[in-house]
Amino acid sequence: MEDKGPEHHIQYLPGEIEWRDGPGSLRAGAQFAVLEGNPAEPGVFTMRLKLPDGFHISPHWHPGVERVTVLSGMFLLGPGETLDKDAATRLEPGSYVSMPPGMRHYALAEGETVVQLTSIGPWQINYVDPADDPRLQGQ
């Protein structure tokens, strides 16, 4: 569905969401769907991430506020610059978290997990350790 801006009604039924591989800022195996806006441009956007069982997102931070709602699966979210599953909070479906700009954090998925992310573009993910950034692999 094309986003025609906030003056237009946007509606998705579950079967209408188009999942794509990526985004390129995450390791292979993740999928995403942009529901509203454009993460690469200024302005509000909403996207969903579908993560396979065992998927992890290495410690990173964002320059803008990140708001996450867990839709399915188990999303483990931890603060800090070191991935520590035992220190992560287990967020079950229906959980919501809002993280301020610059907060270092990491995430893991138990079972196939879908989260919805809302923020202000342009969206960026900055890995604490550049070696964890899949966009830099092979450079």
N, C-alpha and C. Protein backbone atom coordinates (compact mmCIF):
# COMPACT_ATOMS: atom_id res chain seq x y z
N MET A 1 0.84 -1.18 0.00
CA MET A 1 0.00 0.00 0.00
C MET A 1 0.88 1.24 0.00
N GLU A 2 0.56 2.19 -0.85
CA GLU A 2 1.31 3.43 -0.94
C GLU A 2 0.87 4.39 0.18
N ASP A 3 1.82 4.99 0.86
CA ASP A 3 1.51 5.95 1.91
C ASP A 3 1.28 7.30 1.25
N LYS A 4 0.06 7.83 1.40
CA LYS A 4 -0.29 9.10 0.79
C LYS A 4 -0.29 10.24 1.80
N GLY A 5 0.29 9.99 2.97
CA GLY A 5 0.39 11.04 3.98
C GLY A 5 -0.66 10.92 5.06
N PRO A 6 -0.53 11.76 6.11
CA PRO A 6 -1.39 11.64 7.28
C PRO A 6 -2.84 12.03 7.03
N GLU A 7 -3.13 12.71 5.91
CA GLU A 7 -4.51 13.09 5.64
C GLU A 7 -5.32 11.94 5.05
N HIS A 8 -4.67 10.81 4.79
CA HIS A 8 -5.34 9.66 4.20
C HIS A 8 -5.44 8.52 5.21
N HIS A 9 -6.53 7.83 5.15
CA HIS A 9 -6.77 6.65 5.99
C HIS A 9 -5.86 5.51 5.51
N ILE A 10 -5.19 4.86 6.44
CA ILE A 10 -4.34 3.71 6.11
C ILE A 10 -4.87 2.53 6.90
N GLN A 11 -5.03 1.41 6.23
CA GLN A 11 -5.55 0.22 6.90
C GLN A 11 -4.91 -1.02 6.31
N TYR A 12 -4.49 -1.93 7.18
CA TYR A 12 -3.94 -3.21 6.75
C TYR A 12 -4.66 -4.32 7.49
N LEU A 13 -5.05 -5.32 6.77
CA LEU A 13 -5.48 -6.57 7.39
C LEU A 13 -4.25 -7.47 7.39
N PRO A 14 -4.16 -8.43 8.33
CA PRO A 14 -2.92 -9.21 8.44
C PRO A 14 -2.40 -9.80 7.13
N GLY A 15 -3.27 -10.31 6.29
CA GLY A 15 -2.84 -10.92 5.03
C GLY A 15 -2.38 -9.94 3.98
N GLU A 16 -2.58 -8.65 4.23
CA GLU A 16 -2.21 -7.62 3.25
C GLU A 16 -0.82 -7.06 3.48
N ILE A 17 -0.20 -7.43 4.57
CA ILE A 17 1.13 -6.89 4.87
C ILE A 17 2.16 -7.60 4.00
N GLU A 18 2.96 -6.80 3.30
CA GLU A 18 3.97 -7.34 2.40
C GLU A 18 5.32 -7.35 3.10
N TRP A 19 5.78 -8.55 3.44
CA TRP A 19 7.07 -8.72 4.11
C TRP A 19 8.19 -8.79 3.09
N ARG A 20 9.30 -8.12 3.40
CA ARG A 20 10.49 -8.17 2.54
C ARG A 20 11.68 -8.57 3.39
N ASP A 21 12.67 -9.17 2.76
CA ASP A 21 13.90 -9.50 3.47
C ASP A 21 14.60 -8.22 3.87
N GLY A 22 15.16 -8.22 5.06
CA GLY A 22 15.90 -7.04 5.52
C GLY A 22 15.27 -6.49 6.77
N PRO A 23 15.57 -5.25 7.07
CA PRO A 23 16.37 -4.29 6.31
C PRO A 23 17.85 -4.64 6.32
N GLY A 24 18.62 -4.00 5.47
CA GLY A 24 20.04 -4.30 5.35
C GLY A 24 20.86 -4.00 6.60
N SER A 25 20.27 -3.24 7.52
CA SER A 25 20.97 -2.92 8.76
C SER A 25 20.88 -4.05 9.79
N LEU A 26 20.12 -5.11 9.47
CA LEU A 26 20.02 -6.28 10.35
C LEU A 26 20.61 -7.49 9.66
N ARG A 27 21.07 -8.45 10.48
CA ARG A 27 21.62 -9.70 9.93
C ARG A 27 20.58 -10.39 9.04
N ALA A 28 21.04 -11.25 8.15
CA ALA A 28 20.14 -12.03 7.29
C ALA A 28 19.20 -12.86 8.16
N GLY A 29 17.98 -13.00 7.68
CA GLY A 29 16.97 -13.78 8.39
C GLY A 29 15.81 -12.93 8.84
N ALA A 30 16.05 -11.62 9.04
CA ALA A 30 14.98 -10.71 9.43
C ALA A 30 14.14 -10.34 8.22
N GLN A 31 12.89 -10.00 8.49
CA GLN A 31 12.01 -9.46 7.47
C GLN A 31 11.39 -8.18 8.02
N PHE A 32 10.95 -7.31 7.12
CA PHE A 32 10.32 -6.07 7.56
C PHE A 32 9.20 -5.67 6.61
N ALA A 33 8.30 -4.85 7.13
CA ALA A 33 7.21 -4.28 6.34
C ALA A 33 6.99 -2.86 6.84
N VAL A 34 7.03 -1.91 5.93
CA VAL A 34 6.75 -0.51 6.28
C VAL A 34 5.25 -0.30 6.15
N LEU A 35 4.62 0.14 7.23
CA LEU A 35 3.17 0.34 7.24
C LEU A 35 2.78 1.79 6.95
N GLU A 36 3.64 2.72 7.37
CA GLU A 36 3.32 4.12 7.20
C GLU A 36 4.60 4.94 7.15
N GLY A 37 4.62 5.94 6.30
CA GLY A 37 5.79 6.80 6.20
C GLY A 37 6.94 6.12 5.48
N ASN A 38 8.10 6.72 5.60
CA ASN A 38 9.30 6.20 4.97
C ASN A 38 10.46 6.36 5.95
N PRO A 39 11.00 5.24 6.46
CA PRO A 39 12.09 5.33 7.45
C PRO A 39 13.32 6.10 6.96
N ALA A 40 13.49 6.21 5.65
CA ALA A 40 14.67 6.89 5.10
C ALA A 40 14.48 8.40 4.97
N GLU A 41 13.26 8.89 5.24
CA GLU A 41 12.98 10.30 5.06
C GLU A 41 12.53 10.94 6.38
N PRO A 42 12.61 12.25 6.50
CA PRO A 42 12.13 12.92 7.71
C PRO A 42 10.63 12.67 7.90
N GLY A 43 10.23 12.48 9.14
CA GLY A 43 8.81 12.29 9.45
C GLY A 43 8.55 10.99 10.19
N VAL A 44 7.33 10.88 10.71
CA VAL A 44 6.92 9.69 11.46
C VAL A 44 6.80 8.50 10.51
N PHE A 45 7.23 7.34 10.98
CA PHE A 45 7.03 6.10 10.23
C PHE A 45 6.70 4.98 11.21
N THR A 46 6.07 3.95 10.68
CA THR A 46 5.81 2.73 11.44
C THR A 46 6.19 1.56 10.56
N MET A 47 6.98 0.64 11.13
CA MET A 47 7.32 -0.58 10.41
C MET A 47 7.26 -1.76 11.36
N ARG A 48 7.17 -2.93 10.79
CA ARG A 48 7.20 -4.15 11.57
C ARG A 48 8.45 -4.94 11.21
N LEU A 49 8.98 -5.62 12.22
CA LEU A 49 10.10 -6.54 12.02
C LEU A 49 9.64 -7.93 12.40
N LYS A 50 9.95 -8.89 11.55
CA LYS A 50 9.68 -10.30 11.83
C LYS A 50 11.04 -10.98 11.98
N LEU A 51 11.27 -11.53 13.17
CA LEU A 51 12.57 -12.11 13.50
C LEU A 51 12.42 -13.60 13.74
N PRO A 52 13.26 -14.43 13.15
CA PRO A 52 13.17 -15.87 13.39
C PRO A 52 13.65 -16.24 14.80
N ASP A 53 13.27 -17.40 15.26
CA ASP A 53 13.70 -17.90 16.56
C ASP A 53 15.23 -17.86 16.66
N GLY A 54 15.73 -17.32 17.77
CA GLY A 54 17.16 -17.26 18.00
C GLY A 54 17.85 -16.04 17.41
N PHE A 55 17.11 -15.21 16.69
CA PHE A 55 17.70 -14.03 16.07
C PHE A 55 18.14 -13.04 17.15
N HIS A 56 19.26 -12.38 16.91
CA HIS A 56 19.67 -11.33 17.85
C HIS A 56 20.11 -10.08 17.09
N ILE A 57 19.92 -8.96 17.74
CA ILE A 57 20.37 -7.68 17.23
C ILE A 57 21.44 -7.20 18.22
N SER A 58 22.65 -7.12 17.75
CA SER A 58 23.78 -6.75 18.60
C SER A 58 23.60 -5.37 19.21
N PRO A 59 24.34 -5.06 20.28
CA PRO A 59 24.21 -3.75 20.93
C PRO A 59 24.35 -2.60 19.91
N HIS A 60 23.42 -1.66 20.04
CA HIS A 60 23.35 -0.55 19.10
C HIS A 60 22.60 0.61 19.75
N TRP A 61 22.47 1.69 18.99
CA TRP A 61 21.69 2.85 19.44
C TRP A 61 21.12 3.57 18.22
N HIS A 62 20.14 4.42 18.49
CA HIS A 62 19.48 5.20 17.45
C HIS A 62 19.53 6.68 17.84
N PRO A 63 19.64 7.59 16.86
CA PRO A 63 19.67 9.01 17.19
C PRO A 63 18.30 9.58 17.57
N GLY A 64 17.23 8.83 17.31
CA GLY A 64 15.88 9.28 17.66
C GLY A 64 15.23 8.32 18.64
N VAL A 65 14.10 8.71 19.18
CA VAL A 65 13.32 7.86 20.07
C VAL A 65 12.87 6.62 19.30
N GLU A 66 12.92 5.47 19.96
CA GLU A 66 12.44 4.23 19.35
C GLU A 66 11.31 3.69 20.22
N ARG A 67 10.15 3.47 19.60
CA ARG A 67 8.98 2.95 20.30
C ARG A 67 8.65 1.58 19.72
N VAL A 68 8.61 0.56 20.58
CA VAL A 68 8.43 -0.82 20.13
C VAL A 68 7.25 -1.45 20.84
N THR A 69 6.38 -2.10 20.08
CA THR A 69 5.29 -2.90 20.61
C THR A 69 5.50 -4.33 20.15
N VAL A 70 5.45 -5.28 21.07
CA VAL A 70 5.61 -6.69 20.74
C VAL A 70 4.24 -7.23 20.31
N LEU A 71 4.19 -7.79 19.11
CA LEU A 71 2.93 -8.32 18.59
C LEU A 71 2.82 -9.83 18.76
N SER A 72 3.95 -10.53 18.62
CA SER A 72 3.93 -11.99 18.79
C SER A 72 5.33 -12.48 19.13
N GLY A 73 5.40 -13.68 19.67
CA GLY A 73 6.68 -14.24 20.07
C GLY A 73 7.14 -13.66 21.39
N MET A 74 8.42 -13.79 21.67
CA MET A 74 9.01 -13.26 22.90
C MET A 74 10.21 -12.42 22.50
N PHE A 75 10.18 -11.14 22.84
CA PHE A 75 11.23 -10.19 22.48
C PHE A 75 12.02 -9.89 23.74
N LEU A 76 13.29 -10.26 23.76
CA LEU A 76 14.15 -9.99 24.90
C LEU A 76 14.94 -8.73 24.60
N LEU A 77 14.80 -7.75 25.47
CA LEU A 77 15.43 -6.45 25.26
C LEU A 77 16.31 -6.13 26.46
N GLY A 78 17.56 -5.79 26.18
CA GLY A 78 18.48 -5.49 27.26
C GLY A 78 19.19 -4.18 27.05
N PRO A 79 19.53 -3.50 28.16
CA PRO A 79 20.27 -2.24 28.06
C PRO A 79 21.77 -2.49 28.06
N GLY A 80 22.51 -1.58 27.49
CA GLY A 80 23.96 -1.64 27.59
C GLY A 80 24.66 -1.97 26.30
N GLU A 81 25.98 -2.05 26.41
CA GLU A 81 26.85 -2.23 25.25
C GLU A 81 27.36 -3.65 25.10
N THR A 82 26.88 -4.58 25.95
CA THR A 82 27.27 -5.98 25.86
C THR A 82 26.02 -6.84 25.84
N LEU A 83 25.92 -7.72 24.85
CA LEU A 83 24.76 -8.60 24.77
C LEU A 83 24.82 -9.61 25.92
N ASP A 84 23.82 -9.57 26.78
CA ASP A 84 23.72 -10.45 27.94
C ASP A 84 22.27 -10.90 28.07
N LYS A 85 21.99 -12.10 27.55
CA LYS A 85 20.62 -12.60 27.55
C LYS A 85 20.03 -12.62 28.96
N ASP A 86 20.83 -12.92 29.95
CA ASP A 86 20.33 -12.99 31.33
C ASP A 86 19.93 -11.63 31.88
N ALA A 87 20.46 -10.55 31.34
CA ALA A 87 20.12 -9.21 31.81
C ALA A 87 18.95 -8.60 31.03
N ALA A 88 18.51 -9.29 30.00
CA ALA A 88 17.43 -8.76 29.15
C ALA A 88 16.07 -8.97 29.82
N THR A 89 15.16 -8.07 29.54
CA THR A 89 13.77 -8.18 29.99
C THR A 89 12.99 -8.94 28.93
N ARG A 90 12.21 -9.91 29.37
CA ARG A 90 11.38 -10.70 28.46
C ARG A 90 10.07 -9.96 28.23
N LEU A 91 9.87 -9.51 27.00
CA LEU A 91 8.68 -8.75 26.63
C LEU A 91 7.74 -9.65 25.84
N GLU A 92 6.62 -9.99 26.44
CA GLU A 92 5.64 -10.86 25.77
C GLU A 92 4.72 -10.01 24.90
N PRO A 93 3.90 -10.65 24.05
CA PRO A 93 2.98 -9.90 23.20
C PRO A 93 2.12 -8.93 24.02
N GLY A 94 1.99 -7.72 23.48
CA GLY A 94 1.26 -6.66 24.16
C GLY A 94 2.17 -5.71 24.90
N SER A 95 3.45 -6.08 25.08
CA SER A 95 4.40 -5.21 25.77
C SER A 95 4.77 -4.03 24.89
N TYR A 96 5.10 -2.94 25.55
CA TYR A 96 5.49 -1.70 24.86
C TYR A 96 6.71 -1.12 25.57
N VAL A 97 7.62 -0.57 24.80
CA VAL A 97 8.80 0.10 25.36
C VAL A 97 9.13 1.31 24.50
N SER A 98 9.56 2.39 25.16
CA SER A 98 10.01 3.58 24.46
C SER A 98 11.42 3.88 24.96
N MET A 99 12.36 3.99 24.04
CA MET A 99 13.76 4.22 24.39
C MET A 99 14.22 5.59 23.90
N PRO A 100 14.90 6.34 24.75
CA PRO A 100 15.34 7.68 24.36
C PRO A 100 16.49 7.62 23.34
N PRO A 101 16.70 8.72 22.63
CA PRO A 101 17.82 8.77 21.68
C PRO A 101 19.14 8.42 22.38
N GLY A 102 19.95 7.64 21.70
CA GLY A 102 21.28 7.30 22.19
C GLY A 102 21.34 6.14 23.16
N MET A 103 20.20 5.61 23.61
CA MET A 103 20.23 4.50 24.56
C MET A 103 20.83 3.26 23.91
N ARG A 104 21.88 2.74 24.52
CA ARG A 104 22.50 1.51 24.01
C ARG A 104 21.65 0.33 24.47
N HIS A 105 21.34 -0.57 23.51
CA HIS A 105 20.50 -1.72 23.81
C HIS A 105 20.73 -2.82 22.78
N TYR A 106 20.17 -4.00 23.07
CA TYR A 106 20.27 -5.16 22.20
C TYR A 106 18.96 -5.93 22.31
N ALA A 107 18.75 -6.87 21.40
CA ALA A 107 17.50 -7.63 21.41
C ALA A 107 17.73 -9.05 20.92
N LEU A 108 16.87 -9.95 21.41
CA LEU A 108 16.88 -11.36 21.00
C LEU A 108 15.44 -11.81 20.81
N ALA A 109 15.24 -12.79 19.95
CA ALA A 109 13.90 -13.33 19.70
C ALA A 109 13.84 -14.78 20.16
N GLU A 110 12.80 -15.10 20.91
CA GLU A 110 12.51 -16.50 21.25
C GLU A 110 11.22 -16.86 20.52
N GLY A 111 11.32 -17.86 19.65
CA GLY A 111 10.21 -18.15 18.75
C GLY A 111 10.16 -17.07 17.69
N GLU A 112 9.42 -17.32 16.60
CA GLU A 112 9.28 -16.26 15.61
C GLU A 112 8.62 -15.07 16.31
N THR A 113 9.21 -13.90 16.18
CA THR A 113 8.77 -12.73 16.92
C THR A 113 8.50 -11.59 15.95
N VAL A 114 7.37 -10.91 16.17
CA VAL A 114 7.02 -9.74 15.37
C VAL A 114 6.88 -8.55 16.31
N VAL A 115 7.61 -7.48 15.98
CA VAL A 115 7.51 -6.23 16.74
C VAL A 115 7.14 -5.11 15.78
N GLN A 116 6.47 -4.12 16.33
CA GLN A 116 6.12 -2.93 15.56
C GLN A 116 6.92 -1.77 16.12
N LEU A 117 7.58 -1.05 15.24
CA LEU A 117 8.48 0.03 15.61
C LEU A 117 7.96 1.34 15.01
N THR A 118 7.85 2.35 15.85
CA THR A 118 7.45 3.69 15.40
C THR A 118 8.53 4.67 15.83
N SER A 119 8.91 5.54 14.90
CA SER A 119 9.94 6.52 15.21
C SER A 119 9.82 7.68 14.23
N ILE A 120 10.81 8.53 14.27
CA ILE A 120 10.91 9.67 13.35
C ILE A 120 12.10 9.43 12.44
N GLY A 121 11.88 9.50 11.14
CA GLY A 121 12.96 9.31 10.19
C GLY A 121 13.77 10.58 10.01
N PRO A 122 14.91 10.48 9.38
CA PRO A 122 15.45 9.22 8.87
C PRO A 122 15.95 8.32 10.00
N TRP A 123 15.55 7.05 9.93
CA TRP A 123 15.89 6.06 10.94
C TRP A 123 17.31 5.57 10.71
N GLN A 124 18.05 5.46 11.81
CA GLN A 124 19.43 4.96 11.75
C GLN A 124 19.65 3.97 12.87
N ILE A 125 20.47 2.98 12.60
CA ILE A 125 20.92 2.06 13.63
C ILE A 125 22.44 2.12 13.62
N ASN A 126 23.01 2.39 14.79
CA ASN A 126 24.46 2.52 14.93
C ASN A 126 24.95 1.45 15.89
N TYR A 127 25.71 0.51 15.38
CA TYR A 127 26.21 -0.58 16.21
C TYR A 127 27.36 -0.12 17.08
N VAL A 128 27.35 -0.55 18.34
CA VAL A 128 28.42 -0.22 19.28
C VAL A 128 29.76 -0.73 18.72
N ASP A 129 29.75 -1.97 18.22
CA ASP A 129 30.93 -2.55 17.59
C ASP A 129 30.69 -2.58 16.08
N PRO A 130 31.39 -1.77 15.31
CA PRO A 130 31.16 -1.75 13.86
C PRO A 130 31.26 -3.13 13.20
N ALA A 131 31.98 -4.07 13.81
CA ALA A 131 32.08 -5.41 13.24
C ALA A 131 30.73 -6.13 13.24
N ASP A 132 29.77 -5.66 14.04
CA ASP A 132 28.43 -6.26 14.09
C ASP A 132 27.51 -5.72 13.01
N ASP A 133 27.92 -4.69 12.31
CA ASP A 133 27.08 -4.04 11.31
C ASP A 133 27.11 -4.82 9.99
N PRO A 134 25.98 -5.47 9.62
CA PRO A 134 25.98 -6.25 8.37
C PRO A 134 26.22 -5.41 7.12
N ARG A 135 26.00 -4.11 7.21
CA ARG A 135 26.24 -3.24 6.05
C ARG A 135 27.72 -3.09 5.77
N LEU A 136 28.56 -3.40 6.76
CA LEU A 136 30.01 -3.26 6.60
C LEU A 136 30.70 -4.57 6.31
N GLN A 137 29.96 -5.67 6.27
CA GLN A 137 30.55 -6.98 6.01
C GLN A 137 31.12 -7.02 4.61
N GLY A 138 32.30 -7.53 4.46
CA GLY A 138 32.93 -7.67 3.16
C GLY A 138 33.57 -6.38 2.65
N GLN A 139 33.64 -5.37 3.49
CA GLN A 139 34.29 -4.12 3.04
C GLN A 139 35.74 -4.12 3.41
